[in-house]
Amino acid sequence: WKGKHLVLTQKEILDEFRAKLKKHRK
């Protein structure tokens, strides 16, 4: 956007990742 890359820290993706980490602590 406007000549720059913007990182969108999407809450849903990060929350899903954290939940997956807790669940799959192999």
PDB file of all heavy atoms in Angstrom:
ATOM      1  N   TRP A   1       0.831  -1.189   0.000  1.00  0.00           N
ATOM      2  CA  TRP A   1       0.000   0.000   0.000  1.00  0.00           C
ATOM      3  C   TRP A   1       0.868   1.243   0.000  1.00  0.00           C
ATOM      4  O   TRP A   1       1.792   1.366   0.829  1.00  0.00           O
ATOM      5  CB  TRP A   1      -0.904  -0.020   1.221  1.00  0.00           C
ATOM      6  CG  TRP A   1      -1.949   1.045   1.263  1.00  0.00           C
ATOM      7  CD1 TRP A   1      -2.999   1.201   0.414  1.00  0.00           C
ATOM      8  CD2 TRP A   1      -2.044   2.102   2.216  1.00  0.00           C
ATOM      9  NE1 TRP A   1      -3.747   2.282   0.787  1.00  0.00           N
ATOM     10  CE2 TRP A   1      -3.179   2.865   1.899  1.00  0.00           C
ATOM     11  CE3 TRP A   1      -1.289   2.477   3.323  1.00  0.00           C
ATOM     12  CZ2 TRP A   1      -3.574   3.971   2.617  1.00  0.00           C
ATOM     13  CZ3 TRP A   1      -1.674   3.583   4.043  1.00  0.00           C
ATOM     14  CH2 TRP A   1      -2.809   4.314   3.685  1.00  0.00           C
ATOM     15  N   LYS A   2       0.629   2.114  -0.953  1.00  0.00           N
ATOM     16  CA  LYS A   2       1.371   3.373  -1.097  1.00  0.00           C
ATOM     17  C   LYS A   2       2.885   3.157  -1.117  1.00  0.00           C
ATOM     18  O   LYS A   2       3.642   3.836  -0.424  1.00  0.00           O
ATOM     19  CB  LYS A   2       0.990   4.355   0.011  1.00  0.00           C
ATOM     20  CG  LYS A   2      -0.432   4.870  -0.100  1.00  0.00           C
ATOM     21  CD  LYS A   2      -0.689   5.976   0.906  1.00  0.00           C
ATOM     22  CE  LYS A   2      -2.102   6.499   0.734  1.00  0.00           C
ATOM     23  NZ  LYS A   2      -2.393   7.606   1.654  1.00  0.00           N
ATOM     24  N   GLY A   3       3.307   2.172  -1.884  1.00  0.00           N
ATOM     25  CA  GLY A   3       4.736   1.920  -2.051  1.00  0.00           C
ATOM     26  C   GLY A   3       5.410   1.208  -0.906  1.00  0.00           C
ATOM     27  O   GLY A   3       6.635   1.119  -0.860  1.00  0.00           O
ATOM     28  N   LYS A   4       4.643   0.691   0.047  1.00  0.00           N
ATOM     29  CA  LYS A   4       5.229   0.000   1.202  1.00  0.00           C
ATOM     30  C   LYS A   4       4.533  -1.329   1.419  1.00  0.00           C
ATOM     31  O   LYS A   4       3.339  -1.467   1.181  1.00  0.00           O
ATOM     32  CB  LYS A   4       5.071   0.836   2.474  1.00  0.00           C
ATOM     33  CG  LYS A   4       5.964   2.026   2.585  1.00  0.00           C
ATOM     34  CD  LYS A   4       5.791   2.647   3.952  1.00  0.00           C
ATOM     35  CE  LYS A   4       6.853   3.703   4.183  1.00  0.00           C
ATOM     36  NZ  LYS A   4       6.784   4.216   5.554  1.00  0.00           N
ATOM     37  N   HIS A   5       5.299  -2.294   1.925  1.00  0.00           N
ATOM     38  CA  HIS A   5       4.702  -3.548   2.363  1.00  0.00           C
ATOM     39  C   HIS A   5       4.250  -3.358   3.807  1.00  0.00           C
ATOM     40  O   HIS A   5       5.027  -2.878   4.645  1.00  0.00           O
ATOM     41  CB  HIS A   5       5.724  -4.693   2.299  1.00  0.00           C
ATOM     42  CG  HIS A   5       5.942  -5.212   0.923  1.00  0.00           C
ATOM     43  ND1 HIS A   5       7.022  -4.864   0.163  1.00  0.00           N
ATOM     44  CD2 HIS A   5       5.202  -6.047   0.164  1.00  0.00           C
ATOM     45  CE1 HIS A   5       6.946  -5.462  -1.005  1.00  0.00           C
ATOM     46  NE2 HIS A   5       5.849  -6.191  -1.029  1.00  0.00           N
ATOM     47  N   LEU A   6       3.033  -3.722   4.095  1.00  0.00           N
ATOM     48  CA  LEU A   6       2.499  -3.634   5.450  1.00  0.00           C
ATOM     49  C   LEU A   6       2.222  -5.036   5.968  1.00  0.00           C
ATOM     50  O   LEU A   6       1.548  -5.825   5.306  1.00  0.00           O
ATOM     51  CB  LEU A   6       1.204  -2.817   5.467  1.00  0.00           C
ATOM     52  CG  LEU A   6       1.284  -1.391   4.945  1.00  0.00           C
ATOM     53  CD1 LEU A   6      -0.108  -0.763   4.919  1.00  0.00           C
ATOM     54  CD2 LEU A   6       2.232  -0.558   5.788  1.00  0.00           C
ATOM     55  N   VAL A   7       2.746  -5.340   7.156  1.00  0.00           N
ATOM     56  CA  VAL A   7       2.489  -6.626   7.784  1.00  0.00           C
ATOM     57  C   VAL A   7       1.215  -6.478   8.603  1.00  0.00           C
ATOM     58  O   VAL A   7       1.117  -5.607   9.468  1.00  0.00           O
ATOM     59  CB  VAL A   7       3.661  -7.056   8.691  1.00  0.00           C
ATOM     60  CG1 VAL A   7       3.339  -8.366   9.397  1.00  0.00           C
ATOM     61  CG2 VAL A   7       4.945  -7.172   7.885  1.00  0.00           C
ATOM     62  N   LEU A   8       0.248  -7.318   8.307  1.00  0.00           N
ATOM     63  CA  LEU A   8      -1.021  -7.293   9.021  1.00  0.00           C
ATOM     64  C   LEU A   8      -1.010  -8.397  10.068  1.00  0.00           C
ATOM     65  O   LEU A   8      -1.116  -9.570   9.735  1.00  0.00           O
ATOM     66  CB  LEU A   8      -2.187  -7.508   8.047  1.00  0.00           C
ATOM     67  CG  LEU A   8      -2.227  -6.588   6.830  1.00  0.00           C
ATOM     68  CD1 LEU A   8      -3.329  -7.022   5.881  1.00  0.00           C
ATOM     69  CD2 LEU A   8      -2.415  -5.148   7.258  1.00  0.00           C
ATOM     70  N   THR A   9      -0.837  -8.014  11.309  1.00  0.00           N
ATOM     71  CA  THR A   9      -0.825  -9.018  12.377  1.00  0.00           C
ATOM     72  C   THR A   9      -2.283  -9.334  12.725  1.00  0.00           C
ATOM     73  O   THR A   9      -2.863  -8.732  13.615  1.00  0.00           O
ATOM     74  CB  THR A   9      -0.069  -8.513  13.619  1.00  0.00           C
ATOM     75  OG1 THR A   9      -0.623  -7.248  14.007  1.00  0.00           O
ATOM     76  CG2 THR A   9       1.409  -8.360  13.346  1.00  0.00           C
ATOM     77  N   GLN A  10      -2.830 -10.262  11.984  1.00  0.00           N
ATOM     78  CA  GLN A  10      -4.237 -10.617  12.145  1.00  0.00           C
ATOM     79  C   GLN A  10      -4.434 -11.412  13.426  1.00  0.00           C
ATOM     80  O   GLN A  10      -3.872 -12.500  13.588  1.00  0.00           O
ATOM     81  CB  GLN A  10      -4.717 -11.398  10.924  1.00  0.00           C
ATOM     82  CG  GLN A  10      -4.662 -10.570   9.667  1.00  0.00           C
ATOM     83  CD  GLN A  10      -5.126 -11.342   8.449  1.00  0.00           C
ATOM     84  OE1 GLN A  10      -5.653 -12.439   8.549  1.00  0.00           O
ATOM     85  NE2 GLN A  10      -4.920 -10.758   7.288  1.00  0.00           N
ATOM     86  N   LYS A  11      -5.232 -10.840  14.315  1.00  0.00           N
ATOM     87  CA  LYS A  11      -5.472 -11.426  15.627  1.00  0.00           C
ATOM     88  C   LYS A  11      -5.953 -12.874  15.531  1.00  0.00           C
ATOM     89  O   LYS A  11      -5.501 -13.727  16.281  1.00  0.00           O
ATOM     90  CB  LYS A  11      -6.468 -10.560  16.392  1.00  0.00           C
ATOM     91  CG  LYS A  11      -6.690 -11.005  17.824  1.00  0.00           C
ATOM     92  CD  LYS A  11      -7.622 -10.052  18.535  1.00  0.00           C
ATOM     93  CE  LYS A  11      -7.938 -10.407  19.945  1.00  0.00           C
ATOM     94  NZ  LYS A  11      -7.690 -11.698  20.444  1.00  0.00           N
ATOM     95  N   GLU A  12      -6.845 -13.151  14.560  1.00  0.00           N
ATOM     96  CA  GLU A  12      -7.390 -14.504  14.440  1.00  0.00           C
ATOM     97  C   GLU A  12      -6.286 -15.518  14.133  1.00  0.00           C
ATOM     98  O   GLU A  12      -6.260 -16.607  14.704  1.00  0.00           O
ATOM     99  CB  GLU A  12      -8.439 -14.601  13.323  1.00  0.00           C
ATOM    100  CG  GLU A  12      -9.481 -13.515  13.281  1.00  0.00           C
ATOM    101  CD  GLU A  12      -9.013 -12.250  12.558  1.00  0.00           C
ATOM    102  OE1 GLU A  12      -8.578 -12.306  11.396  1.00  0.00           O
ATOM    103  OE2 GLU A  12      -9.091 -11.193  13.193  1.00  0.00           O
ATOM    104  N   ILE A  13      -5.378 -15.153  13.227  1.00  0.00           N
ATOM    105  CA  ILE A  13      -4.290 -16.062  12.846  1.00  0.00           C
ATOM    106  C   ILE A  13      -3.362 -16.298  14.029  1.00  0.00           C
ATOM    107  O   ILE A  13      -2.972 -17.436  14.319  1.00  0.00           O
ATOM    108  CB  ILE A  13      -3.515 -15.513  11.628  1.00  0.00           C
ATOM    109  CG1 ILE A  13      -4.408 -15.524  10.383  1.00  0.00           C
ATOM    110  CG2 ILE A  13      -2.243 -16.324  11.383  1.00  0.00           C
ATOM    111  CD1 ILE A  13      -3.787 -14.878   9.154  1.00  0.00           C
ATOM    112  N   LEU A  14      -3.010 -15.222  14.751  1.00  0.00           N
ATOM    113  CA  LEU A  14      -2.113 -15.362  15.902  1.00  0.00           C
ATOM    114  C   LEU A  14      -2.779 -16.135  17.036  1.00  0.00           C
ATOM    115  O   LEU A  14      -2.138 -16.974  17.676  1.00  0.00           O
ATOM    116  CB  LEU A  14      -1.645 -13.988  16.382  1.00  0.00           C
ATOM    117  CG  LEU A  14      -0.751 -13.218  15.402  1.00  0.00           C
ATOM    118  CD1 LEU A  14      -0.447 -11.820  15.914  1.00  0.00           C
ATOM    119  CD2 LEU A  14       0.533 -13.973  15.109  1.00  0.00           C
ATOM    120  N   ASP A  15      -4.059 -15.891  17.276  1.00  0.00           N
ATOM    121  CA  ASP A  15      -4.776 -16.632  18.331  1.00  0.00           C
ATOM    122  C   ASP A  15      -4.872 -18.117  17.986  1.00  0.00           C
ATOM    123  O   ASP A  15      -4.688 -18.977  18.842  1.00  0.00           O
ATOM    124  CB  ASP A  15      -6.185 -16.059  18.546  1.00  0.00           C
ATOM    125  CG  ASP A  15      -6.157 -14.701  19.241  1.00  0.00           C
ATOM    126  OD1 ASP A  15      -5.099 -14.333  19.796  1.00  0.00           O
ATOM    127  OD2 ASP A  15      -7.196 -14.004  19.214  1.00  0.00           O
ATOM    128  N   GLU A  16      -5.164 -18.409  16.719  1.00  0.00           N
ATOM    129  CA  GLU A  16      -5.243 -19.802  16.267  1.00  0.00           C
ATOM    130  C   GLU A  16      -3.885 -20.487  16.421  1.00  0.00           C
ATOM    131  O   GLU A  16      -3.807 -21.638  16.861  1.00  0.00           O
ATOM    132  CB  GLU A  16      -5.688 -19.832  14.806  1.00  0.00           C
ATOM    133  CG  GLU A  16      -5.850 -21.220  14.237  1.00  0.00           C
ATOM    134  CD  GLU A  16      -6.232 -21.184  12.759  1.00  0.00           C
ATOM    135  OE1 GLU A  16      -7.025 -20.300  12.366  1.00  0.00           O
ATOM    136  OE2 GLU A  16      -5.742 -22.042  12.004  1.00  0.00           O
ATOM    137  N   PHE A  17      -2.815 -19.761  16.102  1.00  0.00           N
ATOM    138  CA  PHE A  17      -1.463 -20.303  16.237  1.00  0.00           C
ATOM    139  C   PHE A  17      -1.145 -20.606  17.696  1.00  0.00           C
ATOM    140  O   PHE A  17      -0.638 -21.682  18.023  1.00  0.00           O
ATOM    141  CB  PHE A  17      -0.441 -19.319  15.654  1.00  0.00           C
ATOM    142  CG  PHE A  17       0.981 -19.723  15.897  1.00  0.00           C
ATOM    143  CD1 PHE A  17       1.555 -20.778  15.203  1.00  0.00           C
ATOM    144  CD2 PHE A  17       1.751 -19.046  16.830  1.00  0.00           C
ATOM    145  CE1 PHE A  17       2.864 -21.155  15.431  1.00  0.00           C
ATOM    146  CE2 PHE A  17       3.074 -19.415  17.057  1.00  0.00           C
ATOM    147  CZ  PHE A  17       3.624 -20.474  16.358  1.00  0.00           C
ATOM    148  N   ARG A  18      -1.459 -19.664  18.593  1.00  0.00           N
ATOM    149  CA  ARG A  18      -1.190 -19.870  20.030  1.00  0.00           C
ATOM    150  C   ARG A  18      -1.981 -21.077  20.561  1.00  0.00           C
ATOM    151  O   ARG A  18      -1.457 -21.877  21.331  1.00  0.00           O
ATOM    152  CB  ARG A  18      -1.549 -18.615  20.818  1.00  0.00           C
ATOM    153  CG  ARG A  18      -0.588 -17.474  20.596  1.00  0.00           C
ATOM    154  CD  ARG A  18      -0.976 -16.258  21.452  1.00  0.00           C
ATOM    155  NE  ARG A  18      -0.257 -15.086  21.031  1.00  0.00           N
ATOM    156  CZ  ARG A  18      -0.809 -14.020  20.451  1.00  0.00           C
ATOM    157  NH1 ARG A  18      -2.111 -13.967  20.244  1.00  0.00           N
ATOM    158  NH2 ARG A  18      -0.065 -12.988  20.099  1.00  0.00           N
ATOM    159  N   ALA A  19      -3.232 -21.195  20.153  1.00  0.00           N
ATOM    160  CA  ALA A  19      -4.074 -22.321  20.601  1.00  0.00           C
ATOM    161  C   ALA A  19      -3.501 -23.643  20.096  1.00  0.00           C
ATOM    162  O   ALA A  19      -3.463 -24.639  20.823  1.00  0.00           O
ATOM    163  CB  ALA A  19      -5.502 -22.131  20.107  1.00  0.00           C
ATOM    164  N   LYS A  20      -3.036 -23.630  18.844  1.00  0.00           N
ATOM    165  CA  LYS A  20      -2.449 -24.834  18.251  1.00  0.00           C
ATOM    166  C   LYS A  20      -1.176 -25.237  18.997  1.00  0.00           C
ATOM    167  O   LYS A  20      -0.926 -26.421  19.234  1.00  0.00           O
ATOM    168  CB  LYS A  20      -2.138 -24.567  16.781  1.00  0.00           C
ATOM    169  CG  LYS A  20      -1.999 -25.769  15.920  1.00  0.00           C
ATOM    170  CD  LYS A  20      -1.833 -25.316  14.475  1.00  0.00           C
ATOM    171  CE  LYS A  20      -1.899 -26.455  13.519  1.00  0.00           C
ATOM    172  NZ  LYS A  20      -1.715 -26.026  12.139  1.00  0.00           N
ATOM    173  N   LEU A  21      -0.374 -24.242  19.392  1.00  0.00           N
ATOM    174  CA  LEU A  21       0.853 -24.524  20.146  1.00  0.00           C
ATOM    175  C   LEU A  21       0.545 -25.197  21.474  1.00  0.00           C
ATOM    176  O   LEU A  21       1.211 -26.148  21.865  1.00  0.00           O
ATOM    177  CB  LEU A  21       1.630 -23.229  20.414  1.00  0.00           C
ATOM    178  CG  LEU A  21       2.652 -22.779  19.395  1.00  0.00           C
ATOM    179  CD1 LEU A  21       3.369 -21.533  19.883  1.00  0.00           C
ATOM    180  CD2 LEU A  21       3.647 -23.853  19.057  1.00  0.00           C
ATOM    181  N   LYS A  22      -0.463 -24.693  22.181  1.00  0.00           N
ATOM    182  CA  LYS A  22      -0.841 -25.275  23.471  1.00  0.00           C
ATOM    183  C   LYS A  22      -1.357 -26.695  23.310  1.00  0.00           C
ATOM    184  O   LYS A  22      -1.060 -27.574  24.106  1.00  0.00           O
ATOM    185  CB  LYS A  22      -1.905 -24.421  24.150  1.00  0.00           C
ATOM    186  CG  LYS A  22      -1.387 -23.138  24.726  1.00  0.00           C
ATOM    187  CD  LYS A  22      -2.501 -22.355  25.383  1.00  0.00           C
ATOM    188  CE  LYS A  22      -1.988 -20.997  25.848  1.00  0.00           C
ATOM    189  NZ  LYS A  22      -3.075 -20.175  26.391  1.00  0.00           N
ATOM    190  N   LYS A  23      -2.143 -26.899  22.254  1.00  0.00           N
ATOM    191  CA  LYS A  23      -2.792 -28.184  22.020  1.00  0.00           C
ATOM    192  C   LYS A  23      -1.804 -29.260  21.564  1.00  0.00           C
ATOM    193  O   LYS A  23      -1.895 -30.410  21.972  1.00  0.00           O
ATOM    194  CB  LYS A  23      -3.871 -28.002  20.953  1.00  0.00           C
ATOM    195  CG  LYS A  23      -4.848 -29.109  20.835  1.00  0.00           C
ATOM    196  CD  LYS A  23      -5.910 -28.724  19.811  1.00  0.00           C
ATOM    197  CE  LYS A  23      -7.047 -29.699  19.782  1.00  0.00           C
ATOM    198  NZ  LYS A  23      -8.030 -29.337  18.760  1.00  0.00           N
ATOM    199  N   HIS A  24      -0.865 -28.890  20.735  1.00  0.00           N
ATOM    200  CA  HIS A  24       0.043 -29.859  20.125  1.00  0.00           C
ATOM    201  C   HIS A  24       1.452 -29.757  20.688  1.00  0.00           C
ATOM    202  O   HIS A  24       2.407 -29.642  19.952  1.00  0.00           O
ATOM    203  CB  HIS A  24       0.095 -29.653  18.604  1.00  0.00           C
ATOM    204  CG  HIS A  24      -1.200 -29.880  17.935  1.00  0.00           C
ATOM    205  ND1 HIS A  24      -1.714 -31.132  17.713  1.00  0.00           N
ATOM    206  CD2 HIS A  24      -2.123 -29.019  17.458  1.00  0.00           C
ATOM    207  CE1 HIS A  24      -2.878 -31.032  17.117  1.00  0.00           C
ATOM    208  NE2 HIS A  24      -3.155 -29.759  16.945  1.00  0.00           N
ATOM    209  N   ARG A  25       1.578 -29.843  21.959  1.00  0.00           N
ATOM    210  CA  ARG A  25       2.897 -29.783  22.584  1.00  0.00           C
ATOM    211  C   ARG A  25       3.528 -31.174  22.595  1.00  0.00           C
ATOM    212  O   ARG A  25       3.820 -31.734  23.639  1.00  0.00           O
ATOM    213  CB  ARG A  25       2.794 -29.239  24.006  1.00  0.00           C
ATOM    214  CG  ARG A  25       2.353 -27.799  24.045  1.00  0.00           C
ATOM    215  CD  ARG A  25       3.391 -26.991  24.702  1.00  0.00           C
ATOM    216  NE  ARG A  25       2.973 -25.593  24.671  1.00  0.00           N
ATOM    217  CZ  ARG A  25       3.814 -24.616  24.718  1.00  0.00           C
ATOM    218  NH1 ARG A  25       5.091 -24.845  24.815  1.00  0.00           N
ATOM    219  NH2 ARG A  25       3.405 -23.387  24.688  1.00  0.00           N
ATOM    220  N   LYS A  26       3.722 -31.720  21.390  1.00  0.00           N
ATOM    221  CA  LYS A  26       4.381 -33.021  21.278  1.00  0.00           C
ATOM    222  C   LYS A  26       5.823 -32.846  21.723  1.00  0.00           C
ATOM    223  O   LYS A  26       6.234 -31.783  22.119  1.00  0.00           O
ATOM    224  CB  LYS A  26       4.344 -33.510  19.831  1.00  0.00           C
ATOM    225  CG  LYS A  26       2.972 -33.875  19.335  1.00  0.00           C
ATOM    226  CD  LYS A  26       3.064 -34.348  17.917  1.00  0.00           C
ATOM    227  CE  LYS A  26       1.682 -34.585  17.340  1.00  0.00           C
ATOM    228  NZ  LYS A  26       1.730 -34.931  15.933  1.00  0.00           N
TER     229      LYS A  26
END
